[in-house]
Full PDB file with SEQRES, HELIX, SHEET, SSBOND, CRYST1, ORIGX, SCALE, CONECT and MASTER records, all heavy atoms in Angstrom:
SEQRES   1 A   43  GLU ILE GLN ARG ILE GLY THR ALA SER LEU GLY LEU HIS          
SEQRES   2 A   43  LEU GLU ALA GLU CYS GLU GLY GLU ALA ARG PHE MET THR          
SEQRES   3 A   43  SER LEU THR LEU VAL TYR VAL ASP ALA GLN GLY LYS SER          
SEQRES   4 A   43  GLU PRO TRP PRO                                              
SHEET    1 AA1 3 ILE A   2  ILE A   5  0                                        
SHEET    2 AA1 3 SER A   9  CYS A  18 -1                                        
SHEET    3 AA1 3 GLU A  21  VAL A  31 -1                                        
CRYST1    1.000    1.000    1.000  90.00  90.00  90.00 P 1           1          
ORIGX1      1.000000  0.000000  0.000000        0.00000                         
ORIGX2      0.000000  1.000000  0.000000        0.00000                         
ORIGX3      0.000000  0.000000  1.000000        0.00000                         
SCALE1      1.000000  0.000000  0.000000        0.00000                         
SCALE2      0.000000  1.000000  0.000000        0.00000                         
SCALE3      0.000000  0.000000  1.000000        0.00000                         
ATOM      1  N   GLU A   1      -0.240   6.367  -5.060  1.00  0.00           N  
ATOM      2  CA  GLU A   1       0.321   5.780  -6.275  1.00  0.00           C  
ATOM      3  C   GLU A   1       0.733   4.338  -5.984  1.00  0.00           C  
ATOM      4  O   GLU A   1       1.320   4.056  -4.942  1.00  0.00           O  
ATOM      5  CB  GLU A   1       1.539   6.587  -6.714  1.00  0.00           C  
ATOM      6  CG  GLU A   1       2.170   6.108  -7.993  1.00  0.00           C  
ATOM      7  CD  GLU A   1       3.325   7.003  -8.419  1.00  0.00           C  
ATOM      8  OE1 GLU A   1       4.054   7.519  -7.555  1.00  0.00           O  
ATOM      9  OE2 GLU A   1       3.489   7.187  -9.631  1.00  0.00           O  
ATOM     10  N   ILE A   2       0.444   3.448  -6.912  1.00  0.00           N  
ATOM     11  CA  ILE A   2       0.856   2.049  -6.779  1.00  0.00           C  
ATOM     12  C   ILE A   2       2.332   1.955  -7.143  1.00  0.00           C  
ATOM     13  O   ILE A   2       2.744   2.429  -8.200  1.00  0.00           O  
ATOM     14  CB  ILE A   2       0.040   1.138  -7.717  1.00  0.00           C  
ATOM     15  CG1 ILE A   2      -1.460   1.283  -7.452  1.00  0.00           C  
ATOM     16  CG2 ILE A   2       0.483  -0.320  -7.571  1.00  0.00           C  
ATOM     17  CD1 ILE A   2      -2.325   0.697  -8.555  1.00  0.00           C  
ATOM     18  N   GLN A   3       3.115   1.320  -6.285  1.00  0.00           N  
ATOM     19  CA  GLN A   3       4.535   1.122  -6.542  1.00  0.00           C  
ATOM     20  C   GLN A   3       4.820  -0.253  -7.145  1.00  0.00           C  
ATOM     21  O   GLN A   3       5.646  -0.392  -8.022  1.00  0.00           O  
ATOM     22  CB  GLN A   3       5.336   1.286  -5.249  1.00  0.00           C  
ATOM     23  CG  GLN A   3       5.269   2.688  -4.670  1.00  0.00           C  
ATOM     24  CD  GLN A   3       5.964   3.690  -5.552  1.00  0.00           C  
ATOM     25  OE1 GLN A   3       7.154   3.577  -5.801  1.00  0.00           O  
ATOM     26  NE2 GLN A   3       5.232   4.666  -6.038  1.00  0.00           N  
ATOM     27  N   ARG A   4       4.125  -1.267  -6.610  1.00  0.00           N  
ATOM     28  CA  ARG A   4       4.371  -2.623  -7.094  1.00  0.00           C  
ATOM     29  C   ARG A   4       3.242  -3.534  -6.614  1.00  0.00           C  
ATOM     30  O   ARG A   4       2.564  -3.233  -5.632  1.00  0.00           O  
ATOM     31  CB  ARG A   4       5.700  -3.164  -6.583  1.00  0.00           C  
ATOM     32  CG  ARG A   4       5.772  -3.252  -5.081  1.00  0.00           C  
ATOM     33  CD  ARG A   4       7.009  -3.923  -4.533  1.00  0.00           C  
ATOM     34  NE  ARG A   4       6.966  -3.889  -3.088  1.00  0.00           N  
ATOM     35  CZ  ARG A   4       6.143  -4.600  -2.325  1.00  0.00           C  
ATOM     36  NH1 ARG A   4       5.278  -5.419  -2.869  1.00  0.00           N  
ATOM     37  NH2 ARG A   4       6.173  -4.495  -1.012  1.00  0.00           N  
ATOM     38  N   ILE A   5       3.062  -4.633  -7.326  1.00  0.00           N  
ATOM     39  CA  ILE A   5       2.120  -5.661  -6.882  1.00  0.00           C  
ATOM     40  C   ILE A   5       2.859  -6.998  -6.875  1.00  0.00           C  
ATOM     41  O   ILE A   5       3.562  -7.333  -7.826  1.00  0.00           O  
ATOM     42  CB  ILE A   5       0.848  -5.721  -7.753  1.00  0.00           C  
ATOM     43  CG1 ILE A   5      -0.139  -6.730  -7.169  1.00  0.00           C  
ATOM     44  CG2 ILE A   5       1.182  -5.979  -9.208  1.00  0.00           C  
ATOM     45  CD1 ILE A   5      -1.532  -6.652  -7.763  1.00  0.00           C  
ATOM     46  N   GLY A   6       2.726  -7.699  -5.770  1.00  0.00           N  
ATOM     47  CA  GLY A   6       3.319  -9.023  -5.636  1.00  0.00           C  
ATOM     48  C   GLY A   6       2.216 -10.070  -5.660  1.00  0.00           C  
ATOM     49  O   GLY A   6       1.067  -9.775  -5.970  1.00  0.00           O  
ATOM     50  N   THR A   7       2.570 -11.284  -5.300  1.00  0.00           N  
ATOM     51  CA  THR A   7       1.582 -12.359  -5.282  1.00  0.00           C  
ATOM     52  C   THR A   7       0.444 -12.049  -4.320  1.00  0.00           C  
ATOM     53  O   THR A   7      -0.726 -12.172  -4.671  1.00  0.00           O  
ATOM     54  CB  THR A   7       2.262 -13.693  -4.888  1.00  0.00           C  
ATOM     55  OG1 THR A   7       3.311 -13.949  -5.820  1.00  0.00           O  
ATOM     56  CG2 THR A   7       1.269 -14.843  -4.900  1.00  0.00           C  
ATOM     57  N   ALA A   8       0.790 -11.633  -3.095  1.00  0.00           N  
ATOM     58  CA  ALA A   8      -0.216 -11.326  -2.081  1.00  0.00           C  
ATOM     59  C   ALA A   8      -0.027  -9.930  -1.488  1.00  0.00           C  
ATOM     60  O   ALA A   8      -0.775  -9.527  -0.606  1.00  0.00           O  
ATOM     61  CB  ALA A   8      -0.157 -12.355  -0.956  1.00  0.00           C  
ATOM     62  N   SER A   9       0.955  -9.183  -1.974  1.00  0.00           N  
ATOM     63  CA  SER A   9       1.247  -7.870  -1.396  1.00  0.00           C  
ATOM     64  C   SER A   9       1.051  -6.761  -2.434  1.00  0.00           C  
ATOM     65  O   SER A   9       0.992  -7.014  -3.636  1.00  0.00           O  
ATOM     66  CB  SER A   9       2.671  -7.830  -0.865  1.00  0.00           C  
ATOM     67  OG  SER A   9       3.604  -7.963  -1.916  1.00  0.00           O  
ATOM     68  N   LEU A  10       0.959  -5.547  -1.918  1.00  0.00           N  
ATOM     69  CA  LEU A  10       0.783  -4.374  -2.763  1.00  0.00           C  
ATOM     70  C   LEU A  10       1.542  -3.218  -2.127  1.00  0.00           C  
ATOM     71  O   LEU A  10       1.288  -2.864  -0.973  1.00  0.00           O  
ATOM     72  CB  LEU A  10      -0.705  -4.029  -2.873  1.00  0.00           C  
ATOM     73  CG  LEU A  10      -1.082  -2.842  -3.744  1.00  0.00           C  
ATOM     74  CD1 LEU A  10      -0.722  -3.111  -5.211  1.00  0.00           C  
ATOM     75  CD2 LEU A  10      -2.575  -2.557  -3.617  1.00  0.00           C  
ATOM     76  N   GLY A  11       2.480  -2.654  -2.860  1.00  0.00           N  
ATOM     77  CA  GLY A  11       3.247  -1.512  -2.377  1.00  0.00           C  
ATOM     78  C   GLY A  11       2.623  -0.214  -2.849  1.00  0.00           C  
ATOM     79  O   GLY A  11       2.375  -0.036  -4.043  1.00  0.00           O  
ATOM     80  N   LEU A  12       2.341   0.683  -1.916  1.00  0.00           N  
ATOM     81  CA  LEU A  12       1.735   1.969  -2.234  1.00  0.00           C  
ATOM     82  C   LEU A  12       2.603   3.101  -1.696  1.00  0.00           C  
ATOM     83  O   LEU A  12       3.292   2.942  -0.686  1.00  0.00           O  
ATOM     84  CB  LEU A  12       0.341   2.085  -1.611  1.00  0.00           C  
ATOM     85  CG  LEU A  12      -0.686   1.031  -2.014  1.00  0.00           C  
ATOM     86  CD1 LEU A  12      -1.969   1.201  -1.208  1.00  0.00           C  
ATOM     87  CD2 LEU A  12      -0.979   1.117  -3.500  1.00  0.00           C  
ATOM     88  N   HIS A  13       2.522   4.252  -2.362  1.00  0.00           N  
ATOM     89  CA  HIS A  13       3.193   5.466  -1.903  1.00  0.00           C  
ATOM     90  C   HIS A  13       2.127   6.552  -1.822  1.00  0.00           C  
ATOM     91  O   HIS A  13       1.355   6.734  -2.768  1.00  0.00           O  
ATOM     92  CB  HIS A  13       4.301   5.879  -2.879  1.00  0.00           C  
ATOM     93  CG  HIS A  13       4.987   7.128  -2.482  1.00  0.00           C  
ATOM     94  ND1 HIS A  13       5.952   7.159  -1.501  1.00  0.00           N  
ATOM     95  CD2 HIS A  13       4.827   8.403  -2.907  1.00  0.00           C  
ATOM     96  CE1 HIS A  13       6.366   8.404  -1.353  1.00  0.00           C  
ATOM     97  NE2 HIS A  13       5.702   9.177  -2.196  1.00  0.00           N  
ATOM     98  N   LEU A  14       2.073   7.241  -0.690  1.00  0.00           N  
ATOM     99  CA  LEU A  14       1.125   8.330  -0.512  1.00  0.00           C  
ATOM    100  C   LEU A  14       1.872   9.594  -0.135  1.00  0.00           C  
ATOM    101  O   LEU A  14       2.883   9.530   0.587  1.00  0.00           O  
ATOM    102  CB  LEU A  14       0.108   8.015   0.586  1.00  0.00           C  
ATOM    103  CG  LEU A  14      -0.951   6.966   0.250  1.00  0.00           C  
ATOM    104  CD1 LEU A  14      -0.440   5.583   0.541  1.00  0.00           C  
ATOM    105  CD2 LEU A  14      -2.214   7.232   1.021  1.00  0.00           C  
ATOM    106  N   GLU A  15       1.379  10.720  -0.605  1.00  0.00           N  
ATOM    107  CA  GLU A  15       1.924  12.017  -0.243  1.00  0.00           C  
ATOM    108  C   GLU A  15       0.771  12.942   0.083  1.00  0.00           C  
ATOM    109  O   GLU A  15      -0.283  12.874  -0.561  1.00  0.00           O  
ATOM    110  CB  GLU A  15       2.732  12.616  -1.396  1.00  0.00           C  
ATOM    111  CG  GLU A  15       3.985  11.857  -1.719  1.00  0.00           C  
ATOM    112  CD  GLU A  15       4.822  12.509  -2.814  1.00  0.00           C  
ATOM    113  OE1 GLU A  15       4.504  13.651  -3.236  1.00  0.00           O  
ATOM    114  OE2 GLU A  15       5.792  11.873  -3.245  1.00  0.00           O  
ATOM    115  N   ALA A  16       0.986  13.807   1.069  1.00  0.00           N  
ATOM    116  CA  ALA A  16      -0.009  14.818   1.415  1.00  0.00           C  
ATOM    117  C   ALA A  16       0.632  16.185   1.287  1.00  0.00           C  
ATOM    118  O   ALA A  16       1.786  16.387   1.680  1.00  0.00           O  
ATOM    119  CB  ALA A  16      -0.520  14.613   2.830  1.00  0.00           C  
ATOM    120  N   GLU A  17      -0.144  17.122   0.721  1.00  0.00           N  
ATOM    121  CA  GLU A  17       0.331  18.496   0.607  1.00  0.00           C  
ATOM    122  C   GLU A  17      -0.838  19.437   0.870  1.00  0.00           C  
ATOM    123  O   GLU A  17      -2.000  19.066   0.720  1.00  0.00           O  
ATOM    124  CB  GLU A  17       0.976  18.760  -0.756  1.00  0.00           C  
ATOM    125  CG  GLU A  17       0.084  18.607  -1.950  1.00  0.00           C  
ATOM    126  CD  GLU A  17      -0.725  19.847  -2.299  1.00  0.00           C  
ATOM    127  OE1 GLU A  17      -0.361  20.967  -1.887  1.00  0.00           O  
ATOM    128  OE2 GLU A  17      -1.740  19.703  -2.978  1.00  0.00           O  
ATOM    129  N   CYS A  18      -0.493  20.646   1.263  1.00  0.00           N  
ATOM    130  CA  CYS A  18      -1.474  21.691   1.487  1.00  0.00           C  
ATOM    131  C   CYS A  18      -0.922  22.978   0.897  1.00  0.00           C  
ATOM    132  O   CYS A  18       0.167  23.421   1.296  1.00  0.00           O  
ATOM    133  CB  CYS A  18      -1.748  21.852   2.980  1.00  0.00           C  
ATOM    134  SG  CYS A  18      -2.959  23.126   3.367  1.00  0.00           S  
ATOM    135  N   GLU A  19      -1.634  23.487  -0.082  1.00  0.00           N  
ATOM    136  CA  GLU A  19      -1.215  24.719  -0.761  1.00  0.00           C  
ATOM    137  C   GLU A  19       0.235  24.649  -1.231  1.00  0.00           C  
ATOM    138  O   GLU A  19       1.009  25.580  -1.082  1.00  0.00           O  
ATOM    139  CB  GLU A  19      -1.456  25.934   0.132  1.00  0.00           C  
ATOM    140  CG  GLU A  19      -2.925  26.133   0.457  1.00  0.00           C  
ATOM    141  CD  GLU A  19      -3.191  27.329   1.345  1.00  0.00           C  
ATOM    142  OE1 GLU A  19      -2.244  28.058   1.713  1.00  0.00           O  
ATOM    143  OE2 GLU A  19      -4.366  27.537   1.672  1.00  0.00           O  
ATOM    144  N   GLY A  20       0.598  23.495  -1.784  1.00  0.00           N  
ATOM    145  CA  GLY A  20       1.925  23.303  -2.352  1.00  0.00           C  
ATOM    146  C   GLY A  20       3.005  22.906  -1.360  1.00  0.00           C  
ATOM    147  O   GLY A  20       4.136  22.622  -1.756  1.00  0.00           O  
ATOM    148  N   GLU A  21       2.683  22.844  -0.076  1.00  0.00           N  
ATOM    149  CA  GLU A  21       3.668  22.462   0.940  1.00  0.00           C  
ATOM    150  C   GLU A  21       3.469  21.003   1.328  1.00  0.00           C  
ATOM    151  O   GLU A  21       2.368  20.596   1.720  1.00  0.00           O  
ATOM    152  CB  GLU A  21       3.524  23.337   2.190  1.00  0.00           C  
ATOM    153  CG  GLU A  21       4.510  22.981   3.287  1.00  0.00           C  
ATOM    154  CD  GLU A  21       4.324  23.818   4.540  1.00  0.00           C  
ATOM    155  OE1 GLU A  21       3.176  24.076   4.938  1.00  0.00           O  
ATOM    156  OE2 GLU A  21       5.355  24.199   5.116  1.00  0.00           O  
ATOM    157  N   ALA A  22       4.529  20.213   1.235  1.00  0.00           N  
ATOM    158  CA  ALA A  22       4.459  18.800   1.618  1.00  0.00           C  
ATOM    159  C   ALA A  22       4.222  18.691   3.121  1.00  0.00           C  
ATOM    160  O   ALA A  22       4.817  19.424   3.909  1.00  0.00           O  
ATOM    161  CB  ALA A  22       5.746  18.084   1.239  1.00  0.00           C  
ATOM    162  N   ARG A  23       3.362  17.764   3.500  1.00  0.00           N  
ATOM    163  CA  ARG A  23       3.071  17.534   4.917  1.00  0.00           C  
ATOM    164  C   ARG A  23       3.565  16.166   5.382  1.00  0.00           C  
ATOM    165  O   ARG A  23       4.076  16.034   6.470  1.00  0.00           O  
ATOM    166  CB  ARG A  23       1.576  17.685   5.189  1.00  0.00           C  
ATOM    167  CG  ARG A  23       1.027  19.069   4.838  1.00  0.00           C  
ATOM    168  CD  ARG A  23       1.720  20.174   5.649  1.00  0.00           C  
ATOM    169  NE  ARG A  23       1.355  21.501   5.238  1.00  0.00           N  
ATOM    170  CZ  ARG A  23       0.346  22.205   5.726  1.00  0.00           C  
ATOM    171  NH1 ARG A  23      -0.448  21.681   6.634  1.00  0.00           N  
ATOM    172  NH2 ARG A  23       0.117  23.422   5.291  1.00  0.00           N  
ATOM    173  N   PHE A  24       3.369  15.139   4.551  1.00  0.00           N  
ATOM    174  CA  PHE A  24       3.939  13.831   4.867  1.00  0.00           C  
ATOM    175  C   PHE A  24       4.064  13.016   3.601  1.00  0.00           C  
ATOM    176  O   PHE A  24       3.404  13.274   2.595  1.00  0.00           O  
ATOM    177  CB  PHE A  24       3.142  13.075   5.944  1.00  0.00           C  
ATOM    178  CG  PHE A  24       1.794  12.556   5.522  1.00  0.00           C  
ATOM    179  CD1 PHE A  24       1.669  11.389   4.771  1.00  0.00           C  
ATOM    180  CD2 PHE A  24       0.634  13.205   5.903  1.00  0.00           C  
ATOM    181  CE1 PHE A  24       0.425  10.893   4.397  1.00  0.00           C  
ATOM    182  CE2 PHE A  24      -0.620  12.728   5.533  1.00  0.00           C  
ATOM    183  CZ  PHE A  24      -0.720  11.575   4.779  1.00  0.00           C  
ATOM    184  N   MET A  25       4.945  12.008   3.673  1.00  0.00           N  
ATOM    185  CA  MET A  25       5.120  11.011   2.618  1.00  0.00           C  
ATOM    186  C   MET A  25       5.148   9.659   3.311  1.00  0.00           C  
ATOM    187  O   MET A  25       5.760   9.527   4.378  1.00  0.00           O  
ATOM    188  CB  MET A  25       6.430  11.229   1.876  1.00  0.00           C  
ATOM    189  CG  MET A  25       6.463  12.508   1.069  1.00  0.00           C  
ATOM    190  SD  MET A  25       8.138  12.929   0.566  1.00  0.00           S  
ATOM    191  CE  MET A  25       8.698  13.733   2.060  1.00  0.00           C  
ATOM    192  N   THR A  26       4.507   8.688   2.724  1.00  0.00           N  
ATOM    193  CA  THR A  26       4.501   7.365   3.335  1.00  0.00           C  
ATOM    194  C   THR A  26       4.555   6.284   2.268  1.00  0.00           C  
ATOM    195  O   THR A  26       4.022   6.451   1.177  1.00  0.00           O  
ATOM    196  CB  THR A  26       3.257   7.176   4.245  1.00  0.00           C  
ATOM    197  OG1 THR A  26       3.397   6.013   5.028  1.00  0.00           O  
ATOM    198  CG2 THR A  26       1.977   7.074   3.463  1.00  0.00           C  
ATOM    199  N   SER A  27       5.230   5.211   2.595  1.00  0.00           N  
ATOM    200  CA  SER A  27       5.244   4.005   1.779  1.00  0.00           C  
ATOM    201  C   SER A  27       4.686   2.894   2.646  1.00  0.00           C  
ATOM    202  O   SER A  27       5.048   2.783   3.821  1.00  0.00           O  
ATOM    203  CB  SER A  27       6.665   3.662   1.330  1.00  0.00           C  
ATOM    204  OG  SER A  27       7.144   4.670   0.471  1.00  0.00           O  
ATOM    205  N   LEU A  28       3.796   2.100   2.073  1.00  0.00           N  
ATOM    206  CA  LEU A  28       3.218   1.016   2.852  1.00  0.00           C  
ATOM    207  C   LEU A  28       3.015  -0.204   1.986  1.00  0.00           C  
ATOM    208  O   LEU A  28       2.966  -0.117   0.758  1.00  0.00           O  
ATOM    209  CB  LEU A  28       1.903   1.447   3.506  1.00  0.00           C  
ATOM    210  CG  LEU A  28       0.736   1.842   2.620  1.00  0.00           C  
ATOM    211  CD1 LEU A  28      -0.228   0.688   2.458  1.00  0.00           C  
ATOM    212  CD2 LEU A  28       0.016   3.014   3.239  1.00  0.00           C  
ATOM    213  N   THR A  29       2.929  -1.334   2.660  1.00  0.00           N  
ATOM    214  CA  THR A  29       2.669  -2.602   1.997  1.00  0.00           C  
ATOM    215  C   THR A  29       1.397  -3.186   2.566  1.00  0.00           C  
ATOM    216  O   THR A  29       1.279  -3.375   3.784  1.00  0.00           O  
ATOM    217  CB  THR A  29       3.834  -3.595   2.209  1.00  0.00           C  
ATOM    218  OG1 THR A  29       5.031  -3.013   1.704  1.00  0.00           O  
ATOM    219  CG2 THR A  29       3.563  -4.920   1.506  1.00  0.00           C  
ATOM    220  N   LEU A  30       0.438  -3.433   1.691  1.00  0.00           N  
ATOM    221  CA  LEU A  30      -0.781  -4.140   2.065  1.00  0.00           C  
ATOM    222  C   LEU A  30      -0.597  -5.607   1.735  1.00  0.00           C  
ATOM    223  O   LEU A  30       0.121  -5.946   0.786  1.00  0.00           O  
ATOM    224  CB  LEU A  30      -1.987  -3.610   1.278  1.00  0.00           C  
ATOM    225  CG  LEU A  30      -2.350  -2.153   1.444  1.00  0.00           C  
ATOM    226  CD1 LEU A  30      -3.536  -1.811   0.539  1.00  0.00           C  
ATOM    227  CD2 LEU A  30      -2.661  -1.817   2.886  1.00  0.00           C  
ATOM    228  N   VAL A  31      -1.270  -6.464   2.488  1.00  0.00           N  
ATOM    229  CA  VAL A  31      -1.202  -7.902   2.244  1.00  0.00           C  
ATOM    230  C   VAL A  31      -2.631  -8.431   2.168  1.00  0.00           C  
ATOM    231  O   VAL A  31      -3.452  -8.144   3.039  1.00  0.00           O  
ATOM    232  CB  VAL A  31      -0.422  -8.629   3.365  1.00  0.00           C  
ATOM    233  CG1 VAL A  31      -0.350 -10.121   3.082  1.00  0.00           C  
ATOM    234  CG2 VAL A  31       0.958  -8.029   3.534  1.00  0.00           C  
ATOM    235  N   TYR A  32      -2.912  -9.170   1.125  1.00  0.00           N  
ATOM    236  CA  TYR A  32      -4.231  -9.796   0.980  1.00  0.00           C  
ATOM    237  C   TYR A  32      -4.237 -11.066   1.823  1.00  0.00           C  
ATOM    238  O   TYR A  32      -3.372 -11.940   1.659  1.00  0.00           O  
ATOM    239  CB  TYR A  32      -4.512 -10.120  -0.495  1.00  0.00           C  
ATOM    240  CG  TYR A  32      -5.937 -10.538  -0.747  1.00  0.00           C  
ATOM    241  CD1 TYR A  32      -6.947  -9.581  -0.799  1.00  0.00           C  
ATOM    242  CD2 TYR A  32      -6.280 -11.867  -0.932  1.00  0.00           C  
ATOM    243  CE1 TYR A  32      -8.264  -9.950  -1.029  1.00  0.00           C  
ATOM    244  CE2 TYR A  32      -7.593 -12.243  -1.163  1.00  0.00           C  
ATOM    245  CZ  TYR A  32      -8.580 -11.281  -1.207  1.00  0.00           C  
ATOM    246  OH  TYR A  32      -9.885 -11.652  -1.427  1.00  0.00           O  
ATOM    247  N   VAL A  33      -5.199 -11.159   2.770  1.00  0.00           N  
ATOM    248  CA  VAL A  33      -5.244 -12.300   3.691  1.00  0.00           C  
ATOM    249  C   VAL A  33      -6.631 -12.926   3.719  1.00  0.00           C  
ATOM    250  O   VAL A  33      -7.630 -12.277   3.398  1.00  0.00           O  
ATOM    251  CB  VAL A  33      -4.838 -11.882   5.131  1.00  0.00           C  
ATOM    252  CG1 VAL A  33      -3.410 -11.349   5.176  1.00  0.00           C  
ATOM    253  CG2 VAL A  33      -5.802 -10.864   5.717  1.00  0.00           C  
ATOM    254  N   ASP A  34      -6.660 -14.193   4.151  1.00  0.00           N  
ATOM    255  CA  ASP A  34      -7.939 -14.868   4.344  1.00  0.00           C  
ATOM    256  C   ASP A  34      -8.491 -14.513   5.723  1.00  0.00           C  
ATOM    257  O   ASP A  34      -7.894 -13.723   6.463  1.00  0.00           O  
ATOM    258  CB  ASP A  34      -7.806 -16.381   4.134  1.00  0.00           C  
ATOM    259  CG  ASP A  34      -6.904 -17.071   5.148  1.00  0.00           C  
ATOM    260  OD1 ASP A  34      -6.611 -16.489   6.222  1.00  0.00           O  
ATOM    261  OD2 ASP A  34      -6.487 -18.218   4.872  1.00  0.00           O  
ATOM    262  N   ALA A  35      -9.620 -15.095   6.090  1.00  0.00           N  
ATOM    263  CA  ALA A  35     -10.288 -14.775   7.356  1.00  0.00           C  
ATOM    264  C   ALA A  35      -9.434 -15.115   8.582  1.00  0.00           C  
ATOM    265  O   ALA A  35      -9.637 -14.553   9.652  1.00  0.00           O  
ATOM    266  CB  ALA A  35     -11.632 -15.490   7.433  1.00  0.00           C  
ATOM    267  N   GLN A  36      -8.470 -16.019   8.428  1.00  0.00           N  
ATOM    268  CA  GLN A  36      -7.590 -16.389   9.543  1.00  0.00           C  
ATOM    269  C   GLN A  36      -6.314 -15.537   9.568  1.00  0.00           C  
ATOM    270  O   GLN A  36      -5.440 -15.753  10.412  1.00  0.00           O  
ATOM    271  CB  GLN A  36      -7.222 -17.877   9.473  1.00  0.00           C  
ATOM    272  CG  GLN A  36      -8.374 -18.826   9.798  1.00  0.00           C  
ATOM    273  CD  GLN A  36      -9.445 -18.858   8.715  1.00  0.00           C  
ATOM    274  OE1 GLN A  36      -9.140 -18.927   7.532  1.00  0.00           O  
ATOM    275  NE2 GLN A  36     -10.695 -18.776   9.134  1.00  0.00           N  
ATOM    276  N   GLY A  37      -6.180 -14.619   8.636  1.00  0.00           N  
ATOM    277  CA  GLY A  37      -5.013 -13.744   8.603  1.00  0.00           C  
ATOM    278  C   GLY A  37      -3.831 -14.310   7.834  1.00  0.00           C  
ATOM    279  O   GLY A  37      -2.735 -13.751   7.883  1.00  0.00           O  
ATOM    280  N   LYS A  38      -4.041 -15.383   7.103  1.00  0.00           N  
ATOM    281  CA  LYS A  38      -2.969 -15.997   6.312  1.00  0.00           C  
ATOM    282  C   LYS A  38      -2.970 -15.380   4.913  1.00  0.00           C  
ATOM    283  O   LYS A  38      -4.008 -15.267   4.262  1.00  0.00           O  
ATOM    284  CB  LYS A  38      -3.191 -17.509   6.209  1.00  0.00           C  
ATOM    285  CG  LYS A  38      -2.071 -18.258   5.516  1.00  0.00           C  
ATOM    286  CD  LYS A  38      -2.345 -19.759   5.547  1.00  0.00           C  
ATOM    287  CE  LYS A  38      -1.195 -20.559   5.022  1.00  0.00           C  
ATOM    288  NZ  LYS A  38      -0.942 -20.435   3.634  1.00  0.00           N  
ATOM    289  N   SER A  39      -1.785 -14.975   4.450  1.00  0.00           N  
ATOM    290  CA  SER A  39      -1.720 -14.350   3.128  1.00  0.00           C  
ATOM    291  C   SER A  39      -2.104 -15.346   2.039  1.00  0.00           C  
ATOM    292  O   SER A  39      -1.867 -16.539   2.160  1.00  0.00           O  
ATOM    293  CB  SER A  39      -0.324 -13.790   2.866  1.00  0.00           C  
ATOM    294  OG  SER A  39       0.622 -14.824   2.752  1.00  0.00           O  
ATOM    295  N   GLU A  40      -2.706 -14.801   1.014  1.00  0.00           N  
ATOM    296  CA  GLU A  40      -3.045 -15.596  -0.157  1.00  0.00           C  
ATOM    297  C   GLU A  40      -3.008 -14.684  -1.378  1.00  0.00           C  
ATOM    298  O   GLU A  40      -3.068 -13.461  -1.243  1.00  0.00           O  
ATOM    299  CB  GLU A  40      -4.401 -16.290  -0.012  1.00  0.00           C  
ATOM    300  CG  GLU A  40      -5.594 -15.407   0.152  1.00  0.00           C  
ATOM    301  CD  GLU A  40      -6.894 -16.230   0.270  1.00  0.00           C  
ATOM    302  OE1 GLU A  40      -6.922 -17.252   0.961  1.00  0.00           O  
ATOM    303  OE2 GLU A  40      -7.875 -15.810  -0.360  1.00  0.00           O  
ATOM    304  N   PRO A  41      -2.885 -15.252  -2.564  1.00  0.00           N  
ATOM    305  CA  PRO A  41      -2.773 -14.430  -3.776  1.00  0.00           C  
ATOM    306  C   PRO A  41      -3.991 -13.521  -3.989  1.00  0.00           C  
ATOM    307  O   PRO A  41      -5.120 -13.890  -3.636  1.00  0.00           O  
ATOM    308  CB  PRO A  41      -2.667 -15.451  -4.909  1.00  0.00           C  
ATOM    309  CG  PRO A  41      -2.157 -16.689  -4.257  1.00  0.00           C  
ATOM    310  CD  PRO A  41      -2.758 -16.686  -2.867  1.00  0.00           C  
ATOM    311  N   TRP A  42      -3.723 -12.364  -4.588  1.00  0.00           N  
ATOM    312  CA  TRP A  42      -4.811 -11.462  -4.964  1.00  0.00           C  
ATOM    313  C   TRP A  42      -5.755 -12.214  -5.898  1.00  0.00           C  
ATOM    314  O   TRP A  42      -5.300 -12.927  -6.797  1.00  0.00           O  
ATOM    315  CB  TRP A  42      -4.272 -10.242  -5.699  1.00  0.00           C  
ATOM    316  CG  TRP A  42      -3.451  -9.338  -4.848  1.00  0.00           C  
ATOM    317  CD1 TRP A  42      -2.095  -9.272  -4.799  1.00  0.00           C  
ATOM    318  CD2 TRP A  42      -3.933  -8.365  -3.918  1.00  0.00           C  
ATOM    319  NE1 TRP A  42      -1.702  -8.315  -3.889  1.00  0.00           N  
ATOM    320  CE2 TRP A  42      -2.805  -7.742  -3.332  1.00  0.00           C  
ATOM    321  CE3 TRP A  42      -5.206  -7.950  -3.518  1.00  0.00           C  
ATOM    322  CZ2 TRP A  42      -2.914  -6.738  -2.379  1.00  0.00           C  
ATOM    323  CZ3 TRP A  42      -5.296  -6.950  -2.556  1.00  0.00           C  
ATOM    324  CH2 TRP A  42      -4.189  -6.355  -2.008  1.00  0.00           C  
ATOM    325  N   PRO A  43      -7.056 -12.075  -5.729  1.00  0.00           N  
ATOM    326  CA  PRO A  43      -7.984 -12.683  -6.691  1.00  0.00           C  
ATOM    327  C   PRO A  43      -7.721 -12.115  -8.084  1.00  0.00           C  
ATOM    328  O   PRO A  43      -7.368 -10.940  -8.228  1.00  0.00           O  
ATOM    329  CB  PRO A  43      -9.364 -12.261  -6.176  1.00  0.00           C  
ATOM    330  CG  PRO A  43      -9.158 -11.871  -4.746  1.00  0.00           C  
ATOM    331  CD  PRO A  43      -7.753 -11.378  -4.644  1.00  0.00           C  
TER     332      PRO A  43                                                      
MASTER        0    0    0    0    3    0    0    6  331    1    0    4          
END                                                                             
């Protein structure tokens, strides 16, 4: 699930379950970068 979008970042939330039992939950931030690894705005 998308949590938020910033200028160059994206917050996501993921959950895993098996037969109704939660296995893990994670929140992560992706960053859009150029070839040199410098952040830049999402196209």
